[in-house]
Amino acid sequence: MRAYTGTFVKSDGKNRTMNFVRLNDLPQQFLDTKTAGGVGPKLSEGQEVVWDLERNAFRVFNWTTTVGDVAEETVPESTII
């Protein structure tokens, strides 16, 4: 499974570094247990709902305010449990 580490500037001006998995990279069974299949929040352009590996929750990553590069790595699916 692909995971990413990136830093972006939050709306309050502070930097936030996040280790996350994009929804398309999450196993379908995992998504089925964590979501009710409803419509998510309306996001601004460049924002994406992701699974935060440190907080074990859905969060929003802002691609339009990234600081530096976003690194990609392969992690085992057991990382999200």
C-alpha atoms as a PDB file:
ATOM      1  CA  MET A   1       0.000   0.000   0.000  1.00  0.00           C
ATOM      2  CA  ARG A   2       1.297   3.470  -0.826  1.00  0.00           C
ATOM      3  CA  ALA A   3       1.677   6.038   1.954  1.00  0.00           C
ATOM      4  CA  TYR A   4       2.784   9.647   1.776  1.00  0.00           C
ATOM      5  CA  THR A   5       4.477  12.177   4.017  1.00  0.00           C
ATOM      6  CA  GLY A   6       3.979  15.820   3.256  1.00  0.00           C
ATOM      7  CA  THR A   7       3.834  19.241   4.852  1.00  0.00           C
ATOM      8  CA  PHE A   8       1.278  21.896   4.012  1.00  0.00           C
ATOM      9  CA  VAL A   9       0.265  25.278   5.395  1.00  0.00           C
ATOM     10  CA  LYS A  10      -3.002  25.128   7.339  1.00  0.00           C
ATOM     11  CA  SER A  11      -5.638  27.853   7.112  1.00  0.00           C
ATOM     12  CA  ASP A  12      -4.294  29.344  10.377  1.00  0.00           C
ATOM     13  CA  GLY A  13      -0.856  29.759   8.773  1.00  0.00           C
ATOM     14  CA  LYS A  14       0.842  26.946  10.689  1.00  0.00           C
ATOM     15  CA  ASN A  15       2.666  24.103   8.975  1.00  0.00           C
ATOM     16  CA  ARG A  16       1.287  20.592   9.369  1.00  0.00           C
ATOM     17  CA  THR A  17       3.264  17.482   8.477  1.00  0.00           C
ATOM     18  CA  MET A  18       1.075  14.477   7.845  1.00  0.00           C
ATOM     19  CA  ASN A  19       1.704  10.787   7.174  1.00  0.00           C
ATOM     20  CA  PHE A  20      -1.274   9.586   5.174  1.00  0.00           C
ATOM     21  CA  VAL A  21      -2.819   7.185   2.701  1.00  0.00           C
ATOM     22  CA  ARG A  22      -4.944   8.453  -0.163  1.00  0.00           C
ATOM     23  CA  LEU A  23      -8.444   6.958  -0.331  1.00  0.00           C
ATOM     24  CA  ASN A  24      -7.743   5.269  -3.672  1.00  0.00           C
ATOM     25  CA  ASP A  25      -4.850   3.399  -2.035  1.00  0.00           C
ATOM     26  CA  LEU A  26      -6.873   2.095   0.921  1.00  0.00           C
ATOM     27  CA  PRO A  27      -8.272  -1.454   0.810  1.00  0.00           C
ATOM     28  CA  GLN A  28     -11.994  -1.464  -0.042  1.00  0.00           C
ATOM     29  CA  GLN A  29     -12.811  -3.532   3.058  1.00  0.00           C
ATOM     30  CA  PHE A  30     -11.158  -0.871   5.240  1.00  0.00           C
ATOM     31  CA  LEU A  31     -13.182   1.904   3.586  1.00  0.00           C
ATOM     32  CA  ASP A  32     -16.394  -0.094   3.959  1.00  0.00           C
ATOM     33  CA  THR A  33     -15.878  -0.409   7.721  1.00  0.00           C
ATOM     34  CA  LYS A  34     -14.912   3.262   8.210  1.00  0.00           C
ATOM     35  CA  THR A  35     -17.521   4.975   6.035  1.00  0.00           C
ATOM     36  CA  ALA A  36     -21.276   4.889   5.666  1.00  0.00           C
ATOM     37  CA  GLY A  37     -21.048   5.479   1.913  1.00  0.00           C
ATOM     38  CA  GLY A  38     -22.478   8.976   2.195  1.00  0.00           C
ATOM     39  CA  VAL A  39     -21.380  12.214   0.634  1.00  0.00           C
ATOM     40  CA  GLY A  40     -18.317  13.760   2.236  1.00  0.00           C
ATOM     41  CA  PRO A  41     -17.654  17.415   2.940  1.00  0.00           C
ATOM     42  CA  LYS A  42     -17.410  19.893   0.069  1.00  0.00           C
ATOM     43  CA  LEU A  43     -13.735  20.707  -0.294  1.00  0.00           C
ATOM     44  CA  SER A  44     -11.930  23.591  -1.919  1.00  0.00           C
ATOM     45  CA  GLU A  45      -9.839  22.896  -4.989  1.00  0.00           C
ATOM     46  CA  GLY A  46      -6.598  21.137  -4.076  1.00  0.00           C
ATOM     47  CA  GLN A  47      -7.918  19.649  -0.840  1.00  0.00           C
ATOM     48  CA  GLU A  48      -8.237  15.884  -0.488  1.00  0.00           C
ATOM     49  CA  VAL A  49      -9.686  13.622   2.191  1.00  0.00           C
ATOM     50  CA  VAL A  50      -6.998  11.142   3.286  1.00  0.00           C
ATOM     51  CA  TRP A  51      -6.453   8.623   6.091  1.00  0.00           C
ATOM     52  CA  ASP A  52      -4.031  10.122   8.653  1.00  0.00           C
ATOM     53  CA  LEU A  53      -1.765   7.290   9.825  1.00  0.00           C
ATOM     54  CA  GLU A  54      -0.803   9.014  13.081  1.00  0.00           C
ATOM     55  CA  ARG A  55      -4.289  10.081  14.174  1.00  0.00           C
ATOM     56  CA  ASN A  56      -6.058   7.012  12.739  1.00  0.00           C
ATOM     57  CA  ALA A  57      -8.765   9.200  11.275  1.00  0.00           C
ATOM     58  CA  PHE A  58      -9.855  10.893   8.094  1.00  0.00           C
ATOM     59  CA  ARG A  59      -8.280  14.311   7.611  1.00  0.00           C
ATOM     60  CA  VAL A  60      -7.879  16.813   4.776  1.00  0.00           C
ATOM     61  CA  PHE A  61      -4.536  17.322   3.038  1.00  0.00           C
ATOM     62  CA  ASN A  62      -4.133  20.635   1.192  1.00  0.00           C
ATOM     63  CA  TRP A  63      -2.114  20.074  -1.985  1.00  0.00           C
ATOM     64  CA  THR A  64      -2.242  23.761  -2.949  1.00  0.00           C
ATOM     65  CA  THR A  65      -0.139  24.863   0.039  1.00  0.00           C
ATOM     66  CA  THR A  66       2.445  22.066   0.176  1.00  0.00           C
ATOM     67  CA  VAL A  67       5.872  22.920   1.492  1.00  0.00           C
ATOM     68  CA  GLY A  68       8.580  21.038  -0.396  1.00  0.00           C
ATOM     69  CA  ASP A  69       7.994  17.616  -1.891  1.00  0.00           C
ATOM     70  CA  VAL A  70       5.514  14.966  -0.792  1.00  0.00           C
ATOM     71  CA  ALA A  71       7.385  11.686  -0.258  1.00  0.00           C
ATOM     72  CA  GLU A  72       5.882   8.323  -1.208  1.00  0.00           C
ATOM     73  CA  GLU A  73       6.702   4.947   0.319  1.00  0.00           C
ATOM     74  CA  THR A  74       5.271   1.446   0.411  1.00  0.00           C
ATOM     75  CA  VAL A  75       3.898   0.285   3.768  1.00  0.00           C
ATOM     76  CA  PRO A  76       2.123  -2.923   4.787  1.00  0.00           C
ATOM     77  CA  GLU A  77      -1.677  -2.821   5.020  1.00  0.00           C
ATOM     78  CA  SER A  78      -1.315  -3.668   8.727  1.00  0.00           C
ATOM     79  CA  THR A  79      -0.150  -0.045   9.156  1.00  0.00           C
ATOM     80  CA  ILE A  80      -3.764   1.171   9.037  1.00  0.00           C
ATOM     81  CA  ILE A  81      -5.145  -1.140  11.689  1.00  0.00           C
END
